[in-house]
Structures are given as C-alpha cells and as structure tokens.
C-alpha cells in the first residue's frame, strides 16, 4: 500500500461516523482501563500473596536477559503499529483485544495474588529506567502481559511473514521471562489462551455492531 492509498483509506474510514465513534470509544475505554490498571498494580505490590514451587523453573538458574526481552518487545510493538496502521479496522480490533486482555489480567491478578519466584531477576525496562524513576513491579504475574501482547500482534497481523515473526517473538519473549524467572511457567502458558479468548470476544462484538448497523 502506498502513502496515497494509506491516506485515502484513513480518510474514507474516518468519514464513516460509526467507525469514527467506535475508534474513539475504543481509545477512551483503553485509556480508562490502563489508568485503573496502573493504580491497581501499585496497590497489588503491597498485598500479601502466595508462592509455589515451579518444577520447570527449579531445573535451571535464572539468567538476566532483560535487553533481549525488551529488544524483542519494542521491535514487535513498532512493527505491529506501523503495519496495522494501514488497516484501520484491524488496528481497532487489536486495541479492543488488548483492552480485554488488560481487563482479564486485572481480574486474574486480583483473585490470584502471587508473590514472584524467590529466584527472580527483576525485569526492568531499560527505556523507563533511562528516562524516569518508575518502580519495578514484581507481582503482576498471572498471566504474562508481555507474552499476551506479542500474541495479539500474531493474531491481528495481515500477512504470513508478519504472523511468523510475531509468533516467534511470542515464543521468545515467553522464554525470556522464564529464563529470568520473572514469571511462573503457568503465567506464560495460559497467556495465549486468554489472549485468543479476548480476540474472539472483540471479533464477536464487532460482528454484532456491524450487523446492527446493516439492519
């Protein structure tokens, strides 16, 4: 798609009042959920939690792979946003899926207040540390948000090559947070399943909205 086609696509989509309303509403709901999730995670750090022995993590000593993890994440985020920007409907679907993932994480973290593995090497975002003094969160565990985000990109990618890239990124990021003992194994394993559920719910909502518009 050329730049001219890109502009034309967005001009046509934004001229549709229904799309414009849903797109803005999706952004507003996402911002609202992110705001409350940030507040909840700070509260969650002070809550008493429980730990358990992870048989898989017990097999090896953690290794710090923070830079590898965030290199993969930032590469995937930038690539996904650029590629999805050419497909307004898919970009909105990705935003809606991500909103549902965050909502599900808020619920699962609330009802399963886990303490981090004893052998954890904290995962500190190098960009956040470079430009700010944000506190590193250790207890936002079940389920892995990083793994889930990568899987959203896989589900919403619009060509086979990108799907392969994002699927590999999902596996690598999941492996990295386990190698560093940032998450329990179950946190990573369950993430794609909840993400796919969120994606399907977002699709179902979009389908119902489109059918109601056609009636």
N, C-alpha and C. Protein backbone atom coordinates (compact mmCIF):
# COMPACT_ATOMS: atom_id res chain seq x y z
N UNK A 1 0.84 -1.20 0.00
CA UNK A 1 0.00 0.00 0.00
C UNK A 1 0.88 1.25 0.00
N UNK A 2 0.60 2.17 -0.89
CA UNK A 2 1.37 3.41 -0.98
C UNK A 2 0.86 4.42 0.06
N UNK A 3 1.61 5.49 0.24
CA UNK A 3 1.21 6.55 1.18
C UNK A 3 -0.12 7.16 0.74
N UNK A 4 -0.28 7.31 -0.57
CA UNK A 4 -1.53 7.87 -1.09
C UNK A 4 -2.71 6.97 -0.74
N UNK A 5 -2.52 5.67 -0.91
CA UNK A 5 -3.57 4.71 -0.56
C UNK A 5 -3.83 4.70 0.94
N UNK A 6 -2.73 4.85 1.71
CA UNK A 6 -2.84 4.90 3.17
C UNK A 6 -3.72 6.08 3.59
N UNK A 7 -3.45 7.25 3.03
CA UNK A 7 -4.24 8.44 3.36
C UNK A 7 -5.69 8.27 2.93
N UNK A 8 -5.87 7.70 1.74
CA UNK A 8 -7.23 7.51 1.23
C UNK A 8 -8.03 6.56 2.12
N UNK A 9 -7.37 5.48 2.56
CA UNK A 9 -8.04 4.50 3.43
C UNK A 9 -8.51 5.15 4.71
N UNK A 10 -7.62 5.90 5.37
CA UNK A 10 -7.99 6.55 6.63
C UNK A 10 -9.03 7.65 6.42
N UNK A 11 -8.92 8.37 5.30
CA UNK A 11 -9.90 9.42 5.03
C UNK A 11 -11.29 8.82 4.87
N UNK A 12 -11.36 7.69 4.16
CA UNK A 12 -12.65 7.02 3.96
C UNK A 12 -13.20 6.46 5.27
N UNK A 13 -12.31 5.84 6.07
CA UNK A 13 -12.77 5.25 7.33
C UNK A 13 -13.24 6.33 8.30
N UNK A 14 -12.49 7.42 8.38
CA UNK A 14 -12.85 8.48 9.32
C UNK A 14 -14.06 9.28 8.87
N UNK A 15 -14.40 9.17 7.59
CA UNK A 15 -15.61 9.84 7.10
C UNK A 15 -16.87 9.07 7.51
N UNK A 16 -16.67 7.82 7.95
CA UNK A 16 -17.78 6.99 8.43
C UNK A 16 -18.01 7.30 9.91
N UNK A 17 -19.14 7.90 10.25
CA UNK A 17 -19.38 8.30 11.65
C UNK A 17 -19.39 7.11 12.62
N UNK A 18 -19.85 5.95 12.14
CA UNK A 18 -19.87 4.76 13.01
C UNK A 18 -18.47 4.30 13.36
N UNK A 19 -17.59 4.25 12.33
CA UNK A 19 -16.21 3.86 12.59
C UNK A 19 -15.53 4.89 13.48
N UNK A 20 -15.75 6.16 13.19
CA UNK A 20 -15.12 7.23 13.97
C UNK A 20 -15.52 7.14 15.43
N UNK A 21 -16.79 6.90 15.67
CA UNK A 21 -17.28 6.78 17.05
C UNK A 21 -16.66 5.58 17.75
N UNK A 22 -16.66 4.41 17.08
CA UNK A 22 -16.13 3.19 17.69
C UNK A 22 -14.63 3.28 17.93
N UNK A 23 -13.93 3.93 17.00
CA UNK A 23 -12.48 4.06 17.14
C UNK A 23 -12.15 4.94 18.35
N UNK A 24 -12.83 6.08 18.47
CA UNK A 24 -12.61 6.96 19.61
C UNK A 24 -13.02 6.30 20.91
N UNK A 25 -14.15 5.59 20.89
CA UNK A 25 -14.62 4.90 22.08
C UNK A 25 -13.62 3.82 22.52
N UNK A 26 -13.05 3.12 21.55
CA UNK A 26 -12.05 2.09 21.86
C UNK A 26 -10.84 2.70 22.56
N UNK A 27 -10.40 3.87 22.06
CA UNK A 27 -9.26 4.55 22.68
C UNK A 27 -9.59 5.01 24.09
N UNK A 28 -10.78 5.55 24.27
CA UNK A 28 -11.17 6.07 25.59
C UNK A 28 -11.26 4.93 26.61
N UNK A 29 -11.88 3.83 26.21
CA UNK A 29 -12.00 2.68 27.12
C UNK A 29 -10.63 2.12 27.46
N UNK A 30 -9.76 2.02 26.45
CA UNK A 30 -8.39 1.52 26.69
C UNK A 30 -7.66 2.42 27.67
N UNK A 31 -7.75 3.75 27.46
CA UNK A 31 -7.08 4.69 28.37
C UNK A 31 -7.62 4.56 29.79
N UNK A 32 -8.93 4.39 29.92
CA UNK A 32 -9.57 4.23 31.23
C UNK A 32 -9.07 2.96 31.93
N UNK A 33 -9.04 1.86 31.19
CA UNK A 33 -8.59 0.59 31.77
C UNK A 33 -7.11 0.66 32.14
N UNK A 34 -6.29 1.27 31.29
CA UNK A 34 -4.86 1.41 31.59
C UNK A 34 -4.64 2.24 32.84
N UNK A 35 -5.42 3.31 32.99
CA UNK A 35 -5.30 4.18 34.16
C UNK A 35 -5.57 3.39 35.45
N UNK A 36 -6.66 2.64 35.45
CA UNK A 36 -7.02 1.90 36.66
C UNK A 36 -6.11 0.69 36.87
N UNK A 37 -5.62 0.11 35.79
CA UNK A 37 -4.69 -1.00 35.92
C UNK A 37 -3.39 -0.52 36.58
N UNK A 38 -2.91 0.67 36.18
CA UNK A 38 -1.70 1.22 36.77
C UNK A 38 -1.87 1.44 38.27
N UNK A 39 -3.01 1.97 38.66
CA UNK A 39 -3.29 2.19 40.08
C UNK A 39 -3.40 0.86 40.83
N UNK A 40 -4.08 -0.09 40.20
CA UNK A 40 -4.26 -1.39 40.84
C UNK A 40 -2.92 -2.11 41.05
N UNK A 41 -2.03 -2.03 40.08
CA UNK A 41 -0.75 -2.74 40.19
C UNK A 41 0.10 -2.18 41.33
N UNK A 42 0.03 -0.88 41.55
CA UNK A 42 0.75 -0.29 42.69
C UNK A 42 0.16 -0.83 43.99
N UNK A 43 -1.15 -0.87 44.08
CA UNK A 43 -1.83 -1.44 45.25
C UNK A 43 -1.49 -2.92 45.41
N UNK A 44 -1.43 -3.62 44.30
CA UNK A 44 -1.19 -5.06 44.33
C UNK A 44 0.19 -5.42 44.87
N UNK A 45 1.17 -4.53 44.64
CA UNK A 45 2.53 -4.80 45.13
C UNK A 45 2.58 -4.90 46.65
N UNK A 46 1.66 -4.21 47.32
CA UNK A 46 1.67 -4.20 48.79
C UNK A 46 0.77 -5.29 49.38
N UNK A 47 0.05 -5.99 48.53
CA UNK A 47 -0.85 -7.04 49.04
C UNK A 47 -0.08 -8.29 49.40
N UNK A 48 -0.53 -9.01 50.44
CA UNK A 48 0.07 -10.31 50.71
C UNK A 48 -0.30 -11.29 49.60
N UNK A 49 0.66 -12.10 49.21
CA UNK A 49 0.41 -13.07 48.16
C UNK A 49 0.92 -14.44 48.56
N UNK A 50 0.86 -15.36 47.63
CA UNK A 50 1.35 -16.71 47.93
C UNK A 50 2.32 -17.14 46.83
N UNK A 51 3.20 -18.04 47.19
CA UNK A 51 4.19 -18.58 46.26
C UNK A 51 3.99 -20.08 46.13
N UNK A 52 4.59 -20.65 45.10
CA UNK A 52 4.60 -22.10 44.97
C UNK A 52 5.86 -22.51 44.23
N UNK A 53 6.21 -23.75 44.36
CA UNK A 53 7.41 -24.26 43.70
C UNK A 53 7.07 -24.63 42.25
N UNK A 54 7.78 -24.01 41.33
CA UNK A 54 7.58 -24.27 39.92
C UNK A 54 8.59 -25.32 39.48
N UNK A 55 8.15 -26.52 39.14
CA UNK A 55 9.09 -27.60 38.78
C UNK A 55 10.00 -27.24 37.60
N UNK A 56 9.44 -26.48 36.64
CA UNK A 56 10.24 -26.13 35.47
C UNK A 56 11.33 -25.13 35.83
N UNK A 57 10.98 -24.08 36.58
CA UNK A 57 11.98 -23.08 36.98
C UNK A 57 13.05 -23.68 37.88
N UNK A 58 12.69 -24.72 38.60
CA UNK A 58 13.64 -25.38 39.50
C UNK A 58 14.76 -26.09 38.74
N UNK A 59 14.57 -26.26 37.45
CA UNK A 59 15.56 -27.01 36.66
C UNK A 59 16.80 -26.19 36.30
N UNK A 60 16.71 -24.86 36.43
CA UNK A 60 17.85 -24.04 35.99
C UNK A 60 17.94 -22.75 36.81
N UNK A 61 19.16 -22.20 36.83
CA UNK A 61 19.43 -20.93 37.49
C UNK A 61 19.03 -19.79 36.55
N UNK A 62 18.38 -18.76 37.07
CA UNK A 62 17.95 -17.67 36.18
C UNK A 62 19.12 -16.93 35.56
N UNK A 63 18.89 -16.43 34.37
CA UNK A 63 19.89 -15.65 33.63
C UNK A 63 19.25 -14.32 33.24
N UNK A 64 19.99 -13.24 33.40
CA UNK A 64 19.45 -11.92 33.05
C UNK A 64 19.47 -11.73 31.53
N UNK A 65 18.28 -11.60 30.96
CA UNK A 65 18.15 -11.39 29.51
C UNK A 65 17.24 -10.19 29.24
N UNK A 66 17.29 -9.21 30.12
CA UNK A 66 16.40 -8.05 30.04
C UNK A 66 16.49 -7.35 28.69
N UNK A 67 17.70 -7.10 28.22
CA UNK A 67 17.86 -6.36 26.97
C UNK A 67 17.31 -7.15 25.79
N UNK A 68 17.48 -8.44 25.79
CA UNK A 68 16.93 -9.27 24.72
C UNK A 68 15.40 -9.19 24.75
N UNK A 69 14.84 -9.30 25.95
CA UNK A 69 13.39 -9.26 26.11
C UNK A 69 12.80 -7.98 25.56
N UNK A 70 13.35 -6.84 25.98
CA UNK A 70 12.77 -5.57 25.56
C UNK A 70 13.13 -5.21 24.12
N UNK A 71 14.24 -5.72 23.61
CA UNK A 71 14.54 -5.52 22.19
C UNK A 71 13.46 -6.20 21.34
N UNK A 72 13.09 -7.41 21.73
CA UNK A 72 12.02 -8.13 21.03
C UNK A 72 10.69 -7.40 21.17
N UNK A 73 10.38 -6.95 22.38
CA UNK A 73 9.09 -6.30 22.62
C UNK A 73 8.98 -5.00 21.84
N UNK A 74 9.99 -4.14 21.93
CA UNK A 74 9.91 -2.84 21.25
C UNK A 74 9.92 -3.01 19.73
N UNK A 75 10.69 -3.97 19.23
CA UNK A 75 10.69 -4.24 17.79
C UNK A 75 9.29 -4.68 17.35
N UNK A 76 8.68 -5.57 18.11
CA UNK A 76 7.35 -6.07 17.77
C UNK A 76 6.30 -4.97 17.85
N UNK A 77 6.36 -4.15 18.89
CA UNK A 77 5.37 -3.07 19.06
C UNK A 77 5.45 -2.09 17.89
N UNK A 78 6.66 -1.64 17.56
CA UNK A 78 6.83 -0.68 16.47
C UNK A 78 6.38 -1.28 15.14
N UNK A 79 6.81 -2.52 14.88
CA UNK A 79 6.44 -3.19 13.63
C UNK A 79 4.93 -3.38 13.53
N UNK A 80 4.31 -3.80 14.64
CA UNK A 80 2.86 -4.05 14.64
C UNK A 80 2.08 -2.75 14.42
N UNK A 81 2.46 -1.68 15.11
CA UNK A 81 1.72 -0.43 14.97
C UNK A 81 1.84 0.14 13.57
N UNK A 82 3.03 0.03 12.99
CA UNK A 82 3.21 0.52 11.62
C UNK A 82 2.38 -0.30 10.64
N UNK A 83 2.47 -1.63 10.76
CA UNK A 83 1.75 -2.49 9.81
C UNK A 83 0.24 -2.38 9.98
N UNK A 84 -0.24 -2.33 11.23
CA UNK A 84 -1.67 -2.24 11.47
C UNK A 84 -2.25 -0.87 11.10
N UNK A 85 -1.40 0.15 11.06
CA UNK A 85 -1.89 1.49 10.71
C UNK A 85 -2.42 1.55 9.28
N UNK A 86 -2.04 0.58 8.45
CA UNK A 86 -2.55 0.51 7.08
C UNK A 86 -3.92 -0.17 7.01
N UNK A 87 -4.36 -0.73 8.14
CA UNK A 87 -5.64 -1.45 8.20
C UNK A 87 -6.42 -0.95 9.41
N UNK A 88 -7.14 0.16 9.27
CA UNK A 88 -7.83 0.77 10.42
C UNK A 88 -8.71 -0.18 11.21
N UNK A 89 -9.46 -1.05 10.52
CA UNK A 89 -10.34 -1.98 11.22
C UNK A 89 -9.55 -2.96 12.08
N UNK A 90 -8.43 -3.44 11.55
CA UNK A 90 -7.60 -4.39 12.30
C UNK A 90 -6.88 -3.70 13.46
N UNK A 91 -6.51 -2.45 13.25
CA UNK A 91 -5.89 -1.70 14.35
C UNK A 91 -6.88 -1.53 15.48
N UNK A 92 -8.12 -1.21 15.15
CA UNK A 92 -9.14 -1.07 16.18
C UNK A 92 -9.39 -2.40 16.88
N UNK A 93 -9.39 -3.49 16.11
CA UNK A 93 -9.57 -4.82 16.70
C UNK A 93 -8.44 -5.15 17.66
N UNK A 94 -7.21 -4.78 17.30
CA UNK A 94 -6.06 -5.02 18.18
C UNK A 94 -6.20 -4.21 19.47
N UNK A 95 -6.64 -2.97 19.36
CA UNK A 95 -6.84 -2.14 20.56
C UNK A 95 -7.91 -2.73 21.46
N UNK A 96 -9.00 -3.20 20.86
CA UNK A 96 -10.08 -3.78 21.65
C UNK A 96 -9.64 -5.09 22.31
N UNK A 97 -8.89 -5.91 21.58
CA UNK A 97 -8.37 -7.16 22.14
C UNK A 97 -7.44 -6.88 23.31
N UNK A 98 -6.58 -5.87 23.13
CA UNK A 98 -5.63 -5.51 24.19
C UNK A 98 -6.36 -5.00 25.43
N UNK A 99 -7.43 -4.23 25.22
CA UNK A 99 -8.23 -3.75 26.34
C UNK A 99 -8.81 -4.90 27.14
N UNK A 100 -9.33 -5.90 26.44
CA UNK A 100 -9.90 -7.07 27.12
C UNK A 100 -8.82 -7.86 27.85
N UNK A 101 -7.63 -7.97 27.24
CA UNK A 101 -6.52 -8.67 27.89
C UNK A 101 -6.17 -7.99 29.21
N UNK A 102 -6.09 -6.67 29.19
CA UNK A 102 -5.77 -5.93 30.42
C UNK A 102 -6.85 -6.13 31.47
N UNK A 103 -8.10 -6.10 31.02
CA UNK A 103 -9.21 -6.31 31.95
C UNK A 103 -9.14 -7.71 32.57
N UNK A 104 -8.87 -8.72 31.76
CA UNK A 104 -8.73 -10.08 32.28
C UNK A 104 -7.54 -10.19 33.23
N UNK A 105 -6.45 -9.50 32.92
CA UNK A 105 -5.28 -9.53 33.81
C UNK A 105 -5.61 -8.90 35.15
N UNK A 106 -6.34 -7.79 35.12
CA UNK A 106 -6.73 -7.14 36.37
C UNK A 106 -7.53 -8.12 37.24
N UNK A 107 -8.45 -8.83 36.62
CA UNK A 107 -9.29 -9.78 37.35
C UNK A 107 -8.47 -10.95 37.89
N UNK A 108 -7.63 -11.54 37.04
CA UNK A 108 -6.88 -12.72 37.47
C UNK A 108 -5.82 -12.37 38.52
N UNK A 109 -5.19 -11.22 38.38
CA UNK A 109 -4.20 -10.81 39.37
C UNK A 109 -4.87 -10.53 40.72
N UNK A 110 -6.08 -9.96 40.65
CA UNK A 110 -6.80 -9.67 41.89
C UNK A 110 -7.14 -10.96 42.65
N UNK A 111 -7.63 -11.94 41.92
CA UNK A 111 -8.06 -13.18 42.58
C UNK A 111 -6.92 -14.17 42.81
N UNK A 112 -5.79 -13.96 42.16
CA UNK A 112 -4.62 -14.83 42.37
C UNK A 112 -3.40 -13.95 42.69
N UNK A 113 -3.34 -13.43 43.91
CA UNK A 113 -2.24 -12.52 44.28
C UNK A 113 -0.94 -13.30 44.54
N UNK A 114 -0.19 -13.53 43.49
CA UNK A 114 1.04 -14.32 43.60
C UNK A 114 2.22 -13.47 44.04
N UNK A 115 3.11 -14.06 44.82
CA UNK A 115 4.43 -13.49 45.04
C UNK A 115 5.33 -13.97 43.91
N UNK A 116 6.35 -13.19 43.55
CA UNK A 116 7.23 -13.63 42.47
C UNK A 116 8.07 -14.83 42.90
N UNK A 117 8.61 -15.57 41.94
CA UNK A 117 9.52 -16.67 42.29
C UNK A 117 10.68 -16.13 43.14
N UNK A 118 11.12 -16.90 44.12
CA UNK A 118 12.20 -16.46 45.01
C UNK A 118 13.48 -16.13 44.24
N UNK A 119 13.68 -16.79 43.11
CA UNK A 119 14.92 -16.62 42.34
C UNK A 119 14.82 -15.56 41.25
N UNK A 120 13.77 -14.75 41.28
CA UNK A 120 13.53 -13.77 40.23
C UNK A 120 14.69 -12.80 40.05
N UNK A 121 15.01 -12.50 38.81
CA UNK A 121 15.86 -11.35 38.47
C UNK A 121 14.89 -10.32 37.91
N UNK A 122 14.62 -9.23 38.63
CA UNK A 122 13.58 -8.28 38.20
C UNK A 122 13.78 -7.80 36.77
N UNK A 123 12.67 -7.70 36.05
CA UNK A 123 12.68 -7.26 34.66
C UNK A 123 12.46 -5.75 34.63
N UNK A 124 13.55 -5.01 34.47
CA UNK A 124 13.48 -3.55 34.49
C UNK A 124 13.58 -3.02 33.07
N UNK A 125 12.55 -2.27 32.68
CA UNK A 125 12.51 -1.70 31.33
C UNK A 125 13.64 -0.69 31.18
N UNK A 126 14.60 -0.92 30.27
CA UNK A 126 15.75 -0.01 30.14
C UNK A 126 15.35 1.39 29.70
N UNK A 127 14.29 1.52 28.91
CA UNK A 127 13.84 2.84 28.45
C UNK A 127 13.23 3.61 29.61
N UNK A 128 12.41 2.94 30.42
CA UNK A 128 11.81 3.58 31.59
C UNK A 128 12.89 4.01 32.57
N UNK A 129 13.89 3.16 32.77
CA UNK A 129 14.98 3.48 33.70
C UNK A 129 15.84 4.63 33.20
N UNK A 130 15.92 4.74 31.86
CA UNK A 130 16.74 5.81 31.28
C UNK A 130 16.08 7.17 31.44
N UNK A 131 14.75 7.22 31.31
CA UNK A 131 14.04 8.49 31.30
C UNK A 131 13.21 8.75 32.55
N UNK A 132 13.12 7.80 33.45
CA UNK A 132 12.29 8.02 34.63
C UNK A 132 12.74 7.18 35.80
N UNK A 133 11.95 7.29 36.88
CA UNK A 133 12.25 6.54 38.10
C UNK A 133 11.09 5.63 38.48
N UNK A 134 10.46 5.04 37.48
CA UNK A 134 9.33 4.17 37.74
C UNK A 134 9.73 2.95 38.56
N UNK A 135 8.87 2.58 39.49
CA UNK A 135 9.14 1.42 40.34
C UNK A 135 8.93 0.13 39.54
N UNK A 136 9.84 -0.80 39.69
CA UNK A 136 9.73 -2.08 39.01
C UNK A 136 8.70 -2.94 39.72
N UNK A 137 7.71 -3.40 38.97
CA UNK A 137 6.66 -4.25 39.53
C UNK A 137 7.10 -5.70 39.48
N UNK A 138 6.83 -6.42 40.57
CA UNK A 138 7.24 -7.82 40.66
C UNK A 138 6.06 -8.78 40.76
N UNK A 139 4.86 -8.26 41.06
CA UNK A 139 3.76 -9.16 41.39
C UNK A 139 2.61 -9.12 40.37
N UNK A 140 2.84 -8.50 39.21
CA UNK A 140 1.80 -8.53 38.16
C UNK A 140 2.03 -9.79 37.32
N UNK A 141 1.67 -10.92 37.91
CA UNK A 141 2.15 -12.20 37.39
C UNK A 141 1.15 -12.97 36.52
N UNK A 142 0.02 -13.32 37.07
CA UNK A 142 -0.87 -14.23 36.35
C UNK A 142 -1.94 -13.44 35.60
N UNK A 143 -1.77 -13.32 34.30
CA UNK A 143 -0.89 -14.04 33.38
C UNK A 143 0.11 -13.07 32.77
N UNK A 144 1.03 -13.55 31.98
CA UNK A 144 2.10 -12.72 31.43
C UNK A 144 1.58 -11.71 30.41
N UNK A 145 1.66 -10.43 30.75
CA UNK A 145 1.21 -9.39 29.84
C UNK A 145 2.09 -9.24 28.62
N UNK A 146 3.39 -9.44 28.79
CA UNK A 146 4.31 -9.33 27.65
C UNK A 146 4.02 -10.41 26.61
N UNK A 147 3.84 -11.63 27.08
CA UNK A 147 3.53 -12.73 26.17
C UNK A 147 2.20 -12.50 25.48
N UNK A 148 1.22 -12.04 26.22
CA UNK A 148 -0.11 -11.78 25.67
C UNK A 148 -0.06 -10.72 24.58
N UNK A 149 0.70 -9.66 24.81
CA UNK A 149 0.80 -8.57 23.84
C UNK A 149 1.40 -9.08 22.53
N UNK A 150 2.45 -9.86 22.63
CA UNK A 150 3.06 -10.43 21.42
C UNK A 150 2.06 -11.28 20.65
N UNK A 151 1.23 -12.01 21.38
CA UNK A 151 0.28 -12.90 20.72
C UNK A 151 -0.85 -12.13 20.05
N UNK A 152 -1.22 -10.98 20.60
CA UNK A 152 -2.20 -10.11 19.93
C UNK A 152 -1.66 -9.70 18.56
N UNK A 153 -0.38 -9.35 18.50
CA UNK A 153 0.22 -8.96 17.23
C UNK A 153 0.16 -10.11 16.22
N UNK A 154 0.39 -11.33 16.71
CA UNK A 154 0.30 -12.50 15.84
C UNK A 154 -1.13 -12.67 15.30
N UNK A 155 -2.11 -12.53 16.16
CA UNK A 155 -3.50 -12.74 15.77
C UNK A 155 -3.99 -11.70 14.78
N UNK A 156 -3.50 -10.47 14.89
CA UNK A 156 -4.01 -9.37 14.06
C UNK A 156 -3.11 -9.04 12.88
N UNK A 157 -1.96 -9.71 12.75
CA UNK A 157 -1.06 -9.46 11.61
C UNK A 157 -1.76 -9.79 10.30
N UNK A 158 -1.45 -9.01 9.25
CA UNK A 158 -2.18 -9.13 8.00
C UNK A 158 -1.44 -9.85 6.87
N UNK A 159 -0.27 -10.39 7.17
CA UNK A 159 0.37 -11.23 6.16
C UNK A 159 1.17 -12.34 6.85
N UNK A 160 1.47 -13.36 6.08
CA UNK A 160 2.06 -14.58 6.64
C UNK A 160 3.42 -14.33 7.27
N UNK A 161 4.26 -13.50 6.62
CA UNK A 161 5.60 -13.23 7.15
C UNK A 161 5.52 -12.57 8.52
N UNK A 162 4.63 -11.59 8.65
CA UNK A 162 4.49 -10.92 9.94
C UNK A 162 3.95 -11.87 11.00
N UNK A 163 3.02 -12.72 10.60
CA UNK A 163 2.49 -13.69 11.56
C UNK A 163 3.61 -14.58 12.09
N UNK A 164 4.48 -15.02 11.21
CA UNK A 164 5.61 -15.86 11.64
C UNK A 164 6.52 -15.09 12.59
N UNK A 165 6.81 -13.84 12.23
CA UNK A 165 7.68 -13.00 13.06
C UNK A 165 7.09 -12.83 14.46
N UNK A 166 5.79 -12.53 14.52
CA UNK A 166 5.16 -12.29 15.82
C UNK A 166 4.96 -13.57 16.61
N UNK A 167 4.76 -14.68 15.93
CA UNK A 167 4.65 -15.95 16.65
C UNK A 167 6.00 -16.32 17.26
N UNK A 168 7.07 -16.14 16.49
CA UNK A 168 8.41 -16.39 17.02
C UNK A 168 8.70 -15.44 18.18
N UNK A 169 8.29 -14.17 18.05
CA UNK A 169 8.51 -13.18 19.11
C UNK A 169 7.75 -13.58 20.38
N UNK A 170 6.54 -14.11 20.21
CA UNK A 170 5.76 -14.56 21.36
C UNK A 170 6.49 -15.67 22.11
N UNK A 171 6.99 -16.64 21.36
CA UNK A 171 7.70 -17.76 21.98
C UNK A 171 8.98 -17.27 22.66
N UNK A 172 9.72 -16.39 21.99
CA UNK A 172 10.99 -15.91 22.55
C UNK A 172 10.80 -15.05 23.79
N UNK A 173 9.79 -14.18 23.76
CA UNK A 173 9.52 -13.34 24.93
C UNK A 173 9.07 -14.21 26.10
N UNK A 174 8.20 -15.18 25.82
CA UNK A 174 7.77 -16.11 26.86
C UNK A 174 8.95 -16.86 27.45
N UNK A 175 9.87 -17.29 26.57
CA UNK A 175 11.07 -18.00 27.04
C UNK A 175 11.96 -17.08 27.87
N UNK A 176 12.09 -15.83 27.45
CA UNK A 176 12.95 -14.89 28.17
C UNK A 176 12.48 -14.62 29.59
N UNK A 177 11.16 -14.41 29.77
CA UNK A 177 10.68 -14.12 31.12
C UNK A 177 10.78 -15.35 32.02
N UNK A 178 10.79 -16.53 31.41
CA UNK A 178 11.01 -17.74 32.21
C UNK A 178 12.49 -17.92 32.51
N UNK A 179 13.35 -17.66 31.55
CA UNK A 179 14.79 -17.77 31.77
C UNK A 179 15.24 -16.86 32.90
N UNK A 180 14.59 -15.69 33.01
CA UNK A 180 14.94 -14.73 34.05
C UNK A 180 14.13 -14.96 35.33
N UNK A 181 13.26 -15.96 35.33
CA UNK A 181 12.40 -16.29 36.47
C UNK A 181 11.51 -15.10 36.87
N UNK A 182 11.09 -14.33 35.87
CA UNK A 182 10.19 -13.20 36.12
C UNK A 182 8.76 -13.70 36.35
N UNK A 183 8.42 -14.79 35.67
CA UNK A 183 7.09 -15.39 35.76
C UNK A 183 7.18 -16.86 36.11
N UNK A 184 6.08 -17.37 36.64
CA UNK A 184 5.92 -18.82 36.74
C UNK A 184 5.57 -19.35 35.36
N UNK A 185 5.80 -20.64 35.16
CA UNK A 185 5.53 -21.24 33.86
C UNK A 185 4.06 -21.10 33.47
N UNK A 186 3.16 -21.27 34.42
CA UNK A 186 1.73 -21.19 34.14
C UNK A 186 1.34 -19.80 33.65
N UNK A 187 2.03 -18.77 34.11
CA UNK A 187 1.74 -17.39 33.67
C UNK A 187 1.93 -17.24 32.17
N UNK A 188 2.97 -17.88 31.67
CA UNK A 188 3.31 -17.77 30.25
C UNK A 188 2.44 -18.71 29.41
N UNK A 189 2.23 -19.92 29.91
CA UNK A 189 1.47 -20.92 29.15
C UNK A 189 0.02 -20.48 28.94
N UNK A 190 -0.58 -19.88 29.96
CA UNK A 190 -2.00 -19.52 29.88
C UNK A 190 -2.23 -18.25 29.07
N UNK A 191 -1.21 -17.41 28.92
CA UNK A 191 -1.38 -16.10 28.28
C UNK A 191 -1.97 -16.18 26.87
N UNK A 192 -1.45 -17.04 25.97
CA UNK A 192 -2.04 -17.10 24.62
C UNK A 192 -3.50 -17.52 24.61
N UNK A 193 -3.90 -18.38 25.54
CA UNK A 193 -5.29 -18.85 25.57
C UNK A 193 -6.24 -17.72 25.97
N UNK A 194 -5.85 -16.94 26.99
CA UNK A 194 -6.68 -15.81 27.40
C UNK A 194 -6.70 -14.75 26.30
N UNK A 195 -5.55 -14.56 25.65
CA UNK A 195 -5.46 -13.57 24.57
C UNK A 195 -6.36 -13.95 23.41
N UNK A 196 -6.34 -15.22 23.05
CA UNK A 196 -7.20 -15.67 21.95
C UNK A 196 -8.68 -15.49 22.31
N UNK A 197 -9.01 -15.77 23.56
CA UNK A 197 -10.39 -15.56 24.03
C UNK A 197 -10.77 -14.08 23.91
N UNK A 198 -9.87 -13.20 24.31
CA UNK A 198 -10.12 -11.75 24.21
C UNK A 198 -10.32 -11.34 22.76
N UNK A 199 -9.48 -11.87 21.89
CA UNK A 199 -9.56 -11.58 20.45
C UNK A 199 -10.90 -12.03 19.88
N UNK A 200 -11.34 -13.23 20.24
CA UNK A 200 -12.61 -13.74 19.74
C UNK A 200 -13.79 -12.93 20.27
N UNK A 201 -13.71 -12.49 21.52
CA UNK A 201 -14.78 -11.65 22.08
C UNK A 201 -14.85 -10.33 21.33
N UNK A 202 -13.68 -9.72 21.06
CA UNK A 202 -13.64 -8.47 20.31
C UNK A 202 -14.22 -8.65 18.91
N UNK A 203 -13.89 -9.77 18.27
CA UNK A 203 -14.46 -10.07 16.95
C UNK A 203 -15.97 -10.21 17.02
N UNK A 204 -16.45 -10.89 18.04
CA UNK A 204 -17.88 -11.11 18.20
C UNK A 204 -18.61 -9.79 18.41
N UNK A 205 -18.05 -8.93 19.22
CA UNK A 205 -18.66 -7.61 19.46
C UNK A 205 -18.70 -6.80 18.17
N UNK A 206 -17.59 -6.82 17.41
CA UNK A 206 -17.54 -6.08 16.15
C UNK A 206 -18.58 -6.61 15.16
N UNK A 207 -18.71 -7.93 15.09
CA UNK A 207 -19.69 -8.55 14.18
C UNK A 207 -21.11 -8.13 14.54
N UNK A 208 -21.41 -8.11 15.83
CA UNK A 208 -22.75 -7.73 16.27
C UNK A 208 -23.03 -6.26 15.96
N UNK A 209 -22.01 -5.43 16.13
CA UNK A 209 -22.17 -3.99 15.84
C UNK A 209 -22.41 -3.79 14.34
N UNK A 210 -21.64 -4.49 13.51
CA UNK A 210 -21.80 -4.36 12.06
C UNK A 210 -23.18 -4.84 11.61
N UNK A 211 -23.65 -5.94 12.19
CA UNK A 211 -24.98 -6.45 11.81
C UNK A 211 -26.07 -5.48 12.21
N UNK A 212 -25.91 -4.86 13.39
CA UNK A 212 -26.92 -3.89 13.84
C UNK A 212 -26.92 -2.66 12.95
N UNK A 213 -25.74 -2.29 12.41
CA UNK A 213 -25.65 -1.14 11.51
C UNK A 213 -26.31 -1.45 10.17
N UNK A 214 -26.25 -2.71 9.73
CA UNK A 214 -26.81 -3.08 8.44
C UNK A 214 -28.32 -3.23 8.47
N UNK A 215 -28.86 -3.42 9.67
CA UNK A 215 -30.32 -3.63 9.78
C UNK A 215 -31.10 -2.32 9.64
